[in-house]
Structures are given as C-alpha cells and as structure tokens.
Amino acid sequence: MRSRDEIERLLFEELDRAKLAHEHAKKEFKAVLSQIPSGLPQPDGTARISNAGRANASTLNGYVQALREFNAFVIHGAVPERLKE
C-alpha cells in the first residue's frame, strides 16, 4: 500500500500538471480571440475559436477534478481508486 506522503505527492503532481495544462489552453484561447480584431471571425476562425474553447473547457474540468481529489485526500483521507493498490 502506498504511504500517505506518496499519495499526497502524486495527487499534488497531478494537480500541478492539470493547472499548467489549463493555463496553457487559456492562453491559447485568448490568443485565438485576440486575432479577430473586428470581433467577427472568418468561417475558419469560427472552428479555431470552437476548438480552443473546447480545449480550455476540457483542461479546466481536469484541473477542477484534480483539485477536488487533492482536497478530498488532504481533508478526508479519501484515496482515488486509481491510486489504491
């Protein structure tokens, strides 16, 4: 069985990776939006905005999930199933 310290370290690393992924996706989304000065995208721009928006939302969901798991472990000692041996 993994030690409490090891589980906490693994969850924190996952949280950190999820945060960095979301920060990157958020920057990309803002960059795509900033390339549309008139506010009216060209037809291919709509797809770029949609793709960047989906990536932003997906990484945010991953970050929120990682944060929930980390908090649940630290506060309640709840170990995610994937980390149980």
PDB file of N, CA and C in Angstrom:
ATOM      1  N   MET A   1       0.855  -1.185   0.000  1.00  0.00           N
ATOM      2  CA  MET A   1       0.000   0.000   0.000  1.00  0.00           C
ATOM      3  C   MET A   1       0.901   1.249   0.000  1.00  0.00           C
ATOM      4  N   ARG A   2       0.460   2.236  -0.732  1.00  0.00           N
ATOM      5  CA  ARG A   2       1.217   3.491  -0.799  1.00  0.00           C
ATOM      6  C   ARG A   2       1.083   4.266   0.505  1.00  0.00           C
ATOM      7  N   SER A   3       2.135   4.994   0.829  1.00  0.00           N
ATOM      8  CA  SER A   3       2.100   5.806   2.045  1.00  0.00           C
ATOM      9  C   SER A   3       1.282   7.072   1.791  1.00  0.00           C
ATOM     10  N   ARG A   4       0.858   7.675   2.861  1.00  0.00           N
ATOM     11  CA  ARG A   4       0.093   8.927   2.770  1.00  0.00           C
ATOM     12  C   ARG A   4       0.910  10.003   2.054  1.00  0.00           C
ATOM     13  N   ASP A   5       2.186  10.088   2.378  1.00  0.00           N
ATOM     14  CA  ASP A   5       3.052  11.085   1.731  1.00  0.00           C
ATOM     15  C   ASP A   5       3.159  10.845   0.233  1.00  0.00           C
ATOM     16  N   GLU A   6       3.279   9.584  -0.169  1.00  0.00           N
ATOM     17  CA  GLU A   6       3.385   9.273  -1.590  1.00  0.00           C
ATOM     18  C   GLU A   6       2.092   9.622  -2.328  1.00  0.00           C
ATOM     19  N   ILE A   7       0.960   9.285  -1.741  1.00  0.00           N
ATOM     20  CA  ILE A   7      -0.328   9.603  -2.369  1.00  0.00           C
ATOM     21  C   ILE A   7      -0.491  11.113  -2.485  1.00  0.00           C
ATOM     22  N   GLU A   8      -0.162  11.833  -1.428  1.00  0.00           N
ATOM     23  CA  GLU A   8      -0.272  13.292  -1.466  1.00  0.00           C
ATOM     24  C   GLU A   8       0.641  13.873  -2.554  1.00  0.00           C
ATOM     25  N   ARG A   9       1.846  13.353  -2.651  1.00  0.00           N
ATOM     26  CA  ARG A   9       2.781  13.833  -3.678  1.00  0.00           C
ATOM     27  C   ARG A   9       2.244  13.561  -5.081  1.00  0.00           C
ATOM     28  N   LEU A  10       1.716  12.365  -5.315  1.00  0.00           N
ATOM     29  CA  LEU A  10       1.157  12.019  -6.625  1.00  0.00           C
ATOM     30  C   LEU A  10      -0.027  12.916  -6.979  1.00  0.00           C
ATOM     31  N   LEU A  11      -0.907  13.123  -6.015  1.00  0.00           N
ATOM     32  CA  LEU A  11      -2.071  13.980  -6.265  1.00  0.00           C
ATOM     33  C   LEU A  11      -1.647  15.429  -6.514  1.00  0.00           C
ATOM     34  N   PHE A  12      -0.652  15.892  -5.778  1.00  0.00           N
ATOM     35  CA  PHE A  12      -0.174  17.261  -5.984  1.00  0.00           C
ATOM     36  C   PHE A  12       0.466  17.404  -7.361  1.00  0.00           C
ATOM     37  N   GLU A  13       1.218  16.393  -7.792  1.00  0.00           N
ATOM     38  CA  GLU A  13       1.816  16.437  -9.128  1.00  0.00           C
ATOM     39  C   GLU A  13       0.744  16.464 -10.211  1.00  0.00           C
ATOM     40  N   GLU A  14      -0.308  15.672 -10.034  1.00  0.00           N
ATOM     41  CA  GLU A  14      -1.421  15.685 -10.988  1.00  0.00           C
ATOM     42  C   GLU A  14      -2.099  17.055 -11.001  1.00  0.00           C
ATOM     43  N   LEU A  15      -2.271  17.612  -9.831  1.00  0.00           N
ATOM     44  CA  LEU A  15      -2.885  18.937  -9.722  1.00  0.00           C
ATOM     45  C   LEU A  15      -2.030  19.979 -10.429  1.00  0.00           C
ATOM     46  N   ASP A  16      -0.736  19.919 -10.222  1.00  0.00           N
ATOM     47  CA  ASP A  16       0.173  20.879 -10.852  1.00  0.00           C
ATOM     48  C   ASP A  16       0.147  20.742 -12.374  1.00  0.00           C
ATOM     49  N   ARG A  17       0.166  19.500 -12.875  1.00  0.00           N
ATOM     50  CA  ARG A  17       0.109  19.279 -14.327  1.00  0.00           C
ATOM     51  C   ARG A  17      -1.207  19.787 -14.907  1.00  0.00           C
ATOM     52  N   ALA A  18      -2.301  19.540 -14.211  1.00  0.00           N
ATOM     53  CA  ALA A  18      -3.612  19.993 -14.684  1.00  0.00           C
ATOM     54  C   ALA A  18      -3.680  21.515 -14.703  1.00  0.00           C
ATOM     55  N   LYS A  19      -3.115  22.147 -13.706  1.00  0.00           N
ATOM     56  CA  LYS A  19      -3.103  23.613 -13.651  1.00  0.00           C
ATOM     57  C   LYS A  19      -2.301  24.184 -14.814  1.00  0.00           C
ATOM     58  N   LEU A  20      -1.112  23.624 -15.059  1.00  0.00           N
ATOM     59  CA  LEU A  20      -0.279  24.111 -16.159  1.00  0.00           C
ATOM     60  C   LEU A  20      -0.956  23.895 -17.507  1.00  0.00           C
ATOM     61  N   ALA A  21      -1.607  22.748 -17.682  1.00  0.00           N
ATOM     62  CA  ALA A  21      -2.317  22.473 -18.940  1.00  0.00           C
ATOM     63  C   ALA A  21      -3.439  23.473 -19.144  1.00  0.00           C
ATOM     64  N   HIS A  22      -4.161  23.774 -18.082  1.00  0.00           N
ATOM     65  CA  HIS A  22      -5.255  24.746 -18.202  1.00  0.00           C
ATOM     66  C   HIS A  22      -4.721  26.146 -18.487  1.00  0.00           C
ATOM     67  N   GLU A  23      -3.662  26.535 -17.825  1.00  0.00           N
ATOM     68  CA  GLU A  23      -3.077  27.857 -18.083  1.00  0.00           C
ATOM     69  C   GLU A  23      -2.647  27.983 -19.544  1.00  0.00           C
ATOM     70  N   HIS A  24      -2.062  26.924 -20.087  1.00  0.00           N
ATOM     71  CA  HIS A  24      -1.648  26.936 -21.488  1.00  0.00           C
ATOM     72  C   HIS A  24      -2.865  27.044 -22.418  1.00  0.00           C
ATOM     73  N   ALA A  25      -3.893  26.246 -22.169  1.00  0.00           N
ATOM     74  CA  ALA A  25      -5.097  26.276 -23.004  1.00  0.00           C
ATOM     75  C   ALA A  25      -5.795  27.630 -22.916  1.00  0.00           C
ATOM     76  N   LYS A  26      -5.789  28.216 -21.729  1.00  0.00           N
ATOM     77  CA  LYS A  26      -6.424  29.526 -21.555  1.00  0.00           C
ATOM     78  C   LYS A  26      -5.682  30.588 -22.363  1.00  0.00           C
ATOM     79  N   LYS A  27      -4.358  30.539 -22.345  1.00  0.00           N
ATOM     80  CA  LYS A  27      -3.556  31.487 -23.134  1.00  0.00           C
ATOM     81  C   LYS A  27      -3.818  31.300 -24.623  1.00  0.00           C
ATOM     82  N   GLU A  28      -3.897  30.049 -25.067  1.00  0.00           N
ATOM     83  CA  GLU A  28      -4.167  29.770 -26.476  1.00  0.00           C
ATOM     84  C   GLU A  28      -5.540  30.304 -26.880  1.00  0.00           C
ATOM     85  N   PHE A  29      -6.527  30.111 -26.024  1.00  0.00           N
ATOM     86  CA  PHE A  29      -7.879  30.594 -26.301  1.00  0.00           C
ATOM     87  C   PHE A  29      -7.880  32.115 -26.428  1.00  0.00           C
ATOM     88  N   LYS A  30      -7.228  32.780 -25.495  1.00  0.00           N
ATOM     89  CA  LYS A  30      -7.149  34.243 -25.556  1.00  0.00           C
ATOM     90  C   LYS A  30      -6.396  34.708 -26.794  1.00  0.00           C
ATOM     91  N   ALA A  31      -5.353  33.974 -27.177  1.00  0.00           N
ATOM     92  CA  ALA A  31      -4.584  34.332 -28.369  1.00  0.00           C
ATOM     93  C   ALA A  31      -5.447  34.214 -29.622  1.00  0.00           C
ATOM     94  N   VAL A  32      -6.239  33.166 -29.710  1.00  0.00           N
ATOM     95  CA  VAL A  32      -7.128  32.988 -30.867  1.00  0.00           C
ATOM     96  C   VAL A  32      -8.134  34.122 -30.919  1.00  0.00           C
ATOM     97  N   LEU A  33      -8.709  34.458 -29.782  1.00  0.00           N
ATOM     98  CA  LEU A  33      -9.701  35.546 -29.744  1.00  0.00           C
ATOM     99  C   LEU A  33      -9.077  36.893 -30.112  1.00  0.00           C
ATOM    100  N   SER A  34      -7.842  37.096 -29.705  1.00  0.00           N
ATOM    101  CA  SER A  34      -7.195  38.384 -29.976  1.00  0.00           C
ATOM    102  C   SER A  34      -6.862  38.565 -31.461  1.00  0.00           C
ATOM    103  N   GLN A  35      -6.870  37.486 -32.214  1.00  0.00           N
ATOM    104  CA  GLN A  35      -6.566  37.553 -33.636  1.00  0.00           C
ATOM    105  C   GLN A  35      -7.785  37.952 -34.476  1.00  0.00           C
ATOM    106  N   ILE A  36      -8.879  38.262 -33.815  1.00  0.00           N
ATOM    107  CA  ILE A  36     -10.102  38.661 -34.505  1.00  0.00           C
ATOM    108  C   ILE A  36     -10.415  40.097 -34.100  1.00  0.00           C
ATOM    109  N   PRO A  37      -9.763  41.070 -34.752  1.00  0.00           N
ATOM    110  CA  PRO A  37      -9.898  42.464 -34.334  1.00  0.00           C
ATOM    111  C   PRO A  37     -11.316  43.023 -34.471  1.00  0.00           C
ATOM    112  N   SER A  38     -12.056  42.576 -35.469  1.00  0.00           N
ATOM    113  CA  SER A  38     -13.402  43.116 -35.671  1.00  0.00           C
ATOM    114  C   SER A  38     -14.425  42.455 -34.769  1.00  0.00           C
ATOM    115  N   GLY A  39     -14.045  41.331 -34.175  1.00  0.00           N
ATOM    116  CA  GLY A  39     -14.995  40.590 -33.360  1.00  0.00           C
ATOM    117  C   GLY A  39     -15.833  39.633 -34.180  1.00  0.00           C
ATOM    118  N   LEU A  40     -15.734  39.719 -35.510  1.00  0.00           N
ATOM    119  CA  LEU A  40     -16.470  38.819 -36.392  1.00  0.00           C
ATOM    120  C   LEU A  40     -15.478  37.886 -37.077  1.00  0.00           C
ATOM    121  N   PRO A  41     -15.456  36.622 -36.668  1.00  0.00           N
ATOM    122  CA  PRO A  41     -14.468  35.700 -37.219  1.00  0.00           C
ATOM    123  C   PRO A  41     -14.793  35.297 -38.654  1.00  0.00           C
ATOM    124  N   GLN A  42     -13.753  34.970 -39.391  1.00  0.00           N
ATOM    125  CA  GLN A  42     -13.919  34.357 -40.708  1.00  0.00           C
ATOM    126  C   GLN A  42     -14.435  32.933 -40.491  1.00  0.00           C
ATOM    127  N   PRO A  43     -14.978  32.287 -41.529  1.00  0.00           N
ATOM    128  CA  PRO A  43     -15.515  30.924 -41.336  1.00  0.00           C
ATOM    129  C   PRO A  43     -14.526  29.956 -40.691  1.00  0.00           C
ATOM    130  N   ASP A  44     -13.264  29.965 -41.116  1.00  0.00           N
ATOM    131  CA  ASP A  44     -12.301  29.048 -40.495  1.00  0.00           C
ATOM    132  C   ASP A  44     -11.937  29.504 -39.087  1.00  0.00           C
ATOM    133  N   GLY A  45     -12.103  30.786 -38.806  1.00  0.00           N
ATOM    134  CA  GLY A  45     -11.844  31.312 -37.467  1.00  0.00           C
ATOM    135  C   GLY A  45     -12.833  30.785 -36.452  1.00  0.00           C
ATOM    136  N   THR A  46     -14.047  30.546 -36.902  1.00  0.00           N
ATOM    137  CA  THR A  46     -15.072  30.002 -36.005  1.00  0.00           C
ATOM    138  C   THR A  46     -14.652  28.631 -35.489  1.00  0.00           C
ATOM    139  N   ALA A  47     -14.113  27.812 -36.367  1.00  0.00           N
ATOM    140  CA  ALA A  47     -13.650  26.481 -35.951  1.00  0.00           C
ATOM    141  C   ALA A  47     -12.474  26.595 -34.987  1.00  0.00           C
ATOM    142  N   ARG A  48     -11.565  27.527 -35.249  1.00  0.00           N
ATOM    143  CA  ARG A  48     -10.413  27.716 -34.351  1.00  0.00           C
ATOM    144  C   ARG A  48     -10.885  28.143 -32.962  1.00  0.00           C
ATOM    145  N   ILE A  49     -11.850  29.062 -32.924  1.00  0.00           N
ATOM    146  CA  ILE A  49     -12.387  29.520 -31.637  1.00  0.00           C
ATOM    147  C   ILE A  49     -13.062  28.360 -30.913  1.00  0.00           C
ATOM    148  N   SER A  50     -13.844  27.594 -31.651  1.00  0.00           N
ATOM    149  CA  SER A  50     -14.548  26.460 -31.059  1.00  0.00           C
ATOM    150  C   SER A  50     -13.567  25.431 -30.501  1.00  0.00           C
ATOM    151  N   ASN A  51     -12.539  25.100 -31.278  1.00  0.00           N
ATOM    152  CA  ASN A  51     -11.539  24.126 -30.819  1.00  0.00           C
ATOM    153  C   ASN A  51     -10.783  24.632 -29.592  1.00  0.00           C
ATOM    154  N   ALA A  52     -10.384  25.891 -29.631  1.00  0.00           N
ATOM    155  CA  ALA A  52      -9.660  26.465 -28.488  1.00  0.00           C
ATOM    156  C   ALA A  52     -10.566  26.529 -27.260  1.00  0.00           C
ATOM    157  N   GLY A  53     -11.830  26.848 -27.473  1.00  0.00           N
ATOM    158  CA  GLY A  53     -12.777  26.893 -26.358  1.00  0.00           C
ATOM    159  C   GLY A  53     -12.996  25.525 -25.734  1.00  0.00           C
ATOM    160  N   ARG A  54     -13.100  24.497 -26.581  1.00  0.00           N
ATOM    161  CA  ARG A  54     -13.261  23.138 -26.060  1.00  0.00           C
ATOM    162  C   ARG A  54     -12.030  22.705 -25.266  1.00  0.00           C
ATOM    163  N   ALA A  55     -10.854  23.016 -25.788  1.00  0.00           N
ATOM    164  CA  ALA A  55      -9.619  22.666 -25.075  1.00  0.00           C
ATOM    165  C   ALA A  55      -9.554  23.387 -23.733  1.00  0.00           C
ATOM    166  N   ASN A  56      -9.950  24.652 -23.724  1.00  0.00           N
ATOM    167  CA  ASN A  56      -9.957  25.434 -22.483  1.00  0.00           C
ATOM    168  C   ASN A  56     -10.913  24.818 -21.468  1.00  0.00           C
ATOM    169  N   ALA A  57     -12.112  24.484 -21.918  1.00  0.00           N
ATOM    170  CA  ALA A  57     -13.107  23.895 -21.012  1.00  0.00           C
ATOM    171  C   ALA A  57     -12.658  22.522 -20.508  1.00  0.00           C
ATOM    172  N   SER A  58     -12.078  21.732 -21.398  1.00  0.00           N
ATOM    173  CA  SER A  58     -11.629  20.395 -21.015  1.00  0.00           C
ATOM    174  C   SER A  58     -10.523  20.455 -19.969  1.00  0.00           C
ATOM    175  N   THR A  59      -9.556  21.335 -20.182  1.00  0.00           N
ATOM    176  CA  THR A  59      -8.462  21.436 -19.209  1.00  0.00           C
ATOM    177  C   THR A  59      -8.939  22.027 -17.894  1.00  0.00           C
ATOM    178  N   LEU A  60      -9.931  22.917 -17.954  1.00  0.00           N
ATOM    179  CA  LEU A  60     -10.492  23.451 -16.715  1.00  0.00           C
ATOM    180  C   LEU A  60     -11.182  22.341 -15.936  1.00  0.00           C
ATOM    181  N   ASN A  61     -11.931  21.493 -16.632  1.00  0.00           N
ATOM    182  CA  ASN A  61     -12.590  20.365 -15.957  1.00  0.00           C
ATOM    183  C   ASN A  61     -11.571  19.428 -15.325  1.00  0.00           C
ATOM    184  N   GLY A  62     -10.467  19.175 -16.028  1.00  0.00           N
ATOM    185  CA  GLY A  62      -9.416  18.330 -15.481  1.00  0.00           C
ATOM    186  C   GLY A  62      -8.772  18.943 -14.248  1.00  0.00           C
ATOM    187  N   TYR A  63      -8.575  20.243 -14.297  1.00  0.00           N
ATOM    188  CA  TYR A  63      -7.984  20.955 -13.153  1.00  0.00           C
ATOM    189  C   TYR A  63      -8.918  20.907 -11.945  1.00  0.00           C
ATOM    190  N   VAL A  64     -10.196  21.139 -12.185  1.00  0.00           N
ATOM    191  CA  VAL A  64     -11.180  21.096 -11.093  1.00  0.00           C
ATOM    192  C   VAL A  64     -11.235  19.698 -10.478  1.00  0.00           C
ATOM    193  N   GLN A  65     -11.211  18.661 -11.321  1.00  0.00           N
ATOM    194  CA  GLN A  65     -11.241  17.283 -10.815  1.00  0.00           C
ATOM    195  C   GLN A  65      -9.996  16.985  -9.978  1.00  0.00           C
ATOM    196  N   ALA A  66      -8.836  17.406 -10.472  1.00  0.00           N
ATOM    197  CA  ALA A  66      -7.598  17.179  -9.726  1.00  0.00           C
ATOM    198  C   ALA A  66      -7.634  17.915  -8.389  1.00  0.00           C
ATOM    199  N   LEU A  67      -8.167  19.118  -8.382  1.00  0.00           N
ATOM    200  CA  LEU A  67      -8.279  19.891  -7.155  1.00  0.00           C
ATOM    201  C   LEU A  67      -9.230  19.221  -6.166  1.00  0.00           C
ATOM    202  N   ARG A  68     -10.341  18.707  -6.666  1.00  0.00           N
ATOM    203  CA  ARG A  68     -11.296  18.000  -5.791  1.00  0.00           C
ATOM    204  C   ARG A  68     -10.655  16.768  -5.162  1.00  0.00           C
ATOM    205  N   GLU A  69      -9.935  15.990  -5.986  1.00  0.00           N
ATOM    206  CA  GLU A  69      -9.299  14.779  -5.458  1.00  0.00           C
ATOM    207  C   GLU A  69      -8.223  15.120  -4.429  1.00  0.00           C
ATOM    208  N   PHE A  70      -7.431  16.136  -4.716  1.00  0.00           N
ATOM    209  CA  PHE A  70      -6.391  16.539  -3.776  1.00  0.00           C
ATOM    210  C   PHE A  70      -7.015  17.000  -2.457  1.00  0.00           C
ATOM    211  N   ASN A  71      -8.026  17.855  -2.546  1.00  0.00           N
ATOM    212  CA  ASN A  71      -8.693  18.347  -1.332  1.00  0.00           C
ATOM    213  C   ASN A  71      -9.364  17.224  -0.561  1.00  0.00           C
ATOM    214  N   ALA A  72     -10.022  16.307  -1.269  1.00  0.00           N
ATOM    215  CA  ALA A  72     -10.691  15.191  -0.592  1.00  0.00           C
ATOM    216  C   ALA A  72      -9.681  14.323   0.142  1.00  0.00           C
ATOM    217  N   PHE A  73      -8.501  14.167  -0.429  1.00  0.00           N
ATOM    218  CA  PHE A  73      -7.475  13.373   0.243  1.00  0.00           C
ATOM    219  C   PHE A  73      -6.931  14.105   1.456  1.00  0.00           C
ATOM    220  N   VAL A  74      -6.580  15.365   1.282  1.00  0.00           N
ATOM    221  CA  VAL A  74      -5.977  16.134   2.381  1.00  0.00           C
ATOM    222  C   VAL A  74      -6.969  16.313   3.533  1.00  0.00           C
ATOM    223  N   ILE A  75      -8.222  16.597   3.207  1.00  0.00           N
ATOM    224  CA  ILE A  75      -9.212  16.887   4.251  1.00  0.00           C
ATOM    225  C   ILE A  75      -9.809  15.623   4.858  1.00  0.00           C
ATOM    226  N   HIS A  76     -10.159  14.647   3.983  1.00  0.00           N
ATOM    227  CA  HIS A  76     -10.893  13.469   4.464  1.00  0.00           C
ATOM    228  C   HIS A  76     -10.108  12.162   4.363  1.00  0.00           C
ATOM    229  N   GLY A  77      -8.945  12.216   3.737  1.00  0.00           N
ATOM    230  CA  GLY A  77      -8.167  10.991   3.574  1.00  0.00           C
ATOM    231  C   GLY A  77      -8.692  10.082   2.476  1.00  0.00           C
ATOM    232  N   ALA A  78      -9.543  10.597   1.598  1.00  0.00           N
ATOM    233  CA  ALA A  78     -10.131   9.800   0.523  1.00  0.00           C
ATOM    234  C   ALA A  78      -9.102   9.572  -0.584  1.00  0.00           C
ATOM    235  N   VAL A  79      -8.777   8.304  -0.829  1.00  0.00           N
ATOM    236  CA  VAL A  79      -7.796   7.951  -1.855  1.00  0.00           C
ATOM    237  C   VAL A  79      -8.551   7.575  -3.127  1.00  0.00           C
ATOM    238  N   PRO A  80      -8.214   8.223  -4.256  1.00  0.00           N
ATOM    239  CA  PRO A  80      -8.858   7.844  -5.517  1.00  0.00           C
ATOM    240  C   PRO A  80      -8.597   6.373  -5.838  1.00  0.00           C
ATOM    241  N   GLU A  81      -9.562   5.714  -6.450  1.00  0.00           N
ATOM    242  CA  GLU A  81      -9.453   4.283  -6.749  1.00  0.00           C
ATOM    243  C   GLU A  81      -8.190   3.953  -7.539  1.00  0.00           C
ATOM    244  N   ARG A  82      -7.804   4.806  -8.499  1.00  0.00           N
ATOM    245  CA  ARG A  82      -6.649   4.510  -9.346  1.00  0.00           C
ATOM    246  C   ARG A  82      -5.339   4.484  -8.566  1.00  0.00           C
ATOM    247  N   LEU A  83      -5.328   5.066  -7.361  1.00  0.00           N
ATOM    248  CA  LEU A  83      -4.111   5.085  -6.551  1.00  0.00           C
ATOM    249  C   LEU A  83      -4.106   4.016  -5.457  1.00  0.00           C
ATOM    250  N   LYS A  84      -5.203   3.267  -5.360  1.00  0.00           N
ATOM    251  CA  LYS A  84      -5.241   2.172  -4.390  1.00  0.00           C
ATOM    252  C   LYS A  84      -4.583   0.964  -5.009  1.00  0.00           C
ATOM    253  N   GLU A  85      -3.886   0.209  -4.215  1.00  0.00           N
ATOM    254  CA  GLU A  85      -3.209  -0.998  -4.734  1.00  0.00           C
ATOM    255  C   GLU A  85      -3.893  -2.232  -4.215  1.00  0.00           C
TER     256      GLU A  85
END
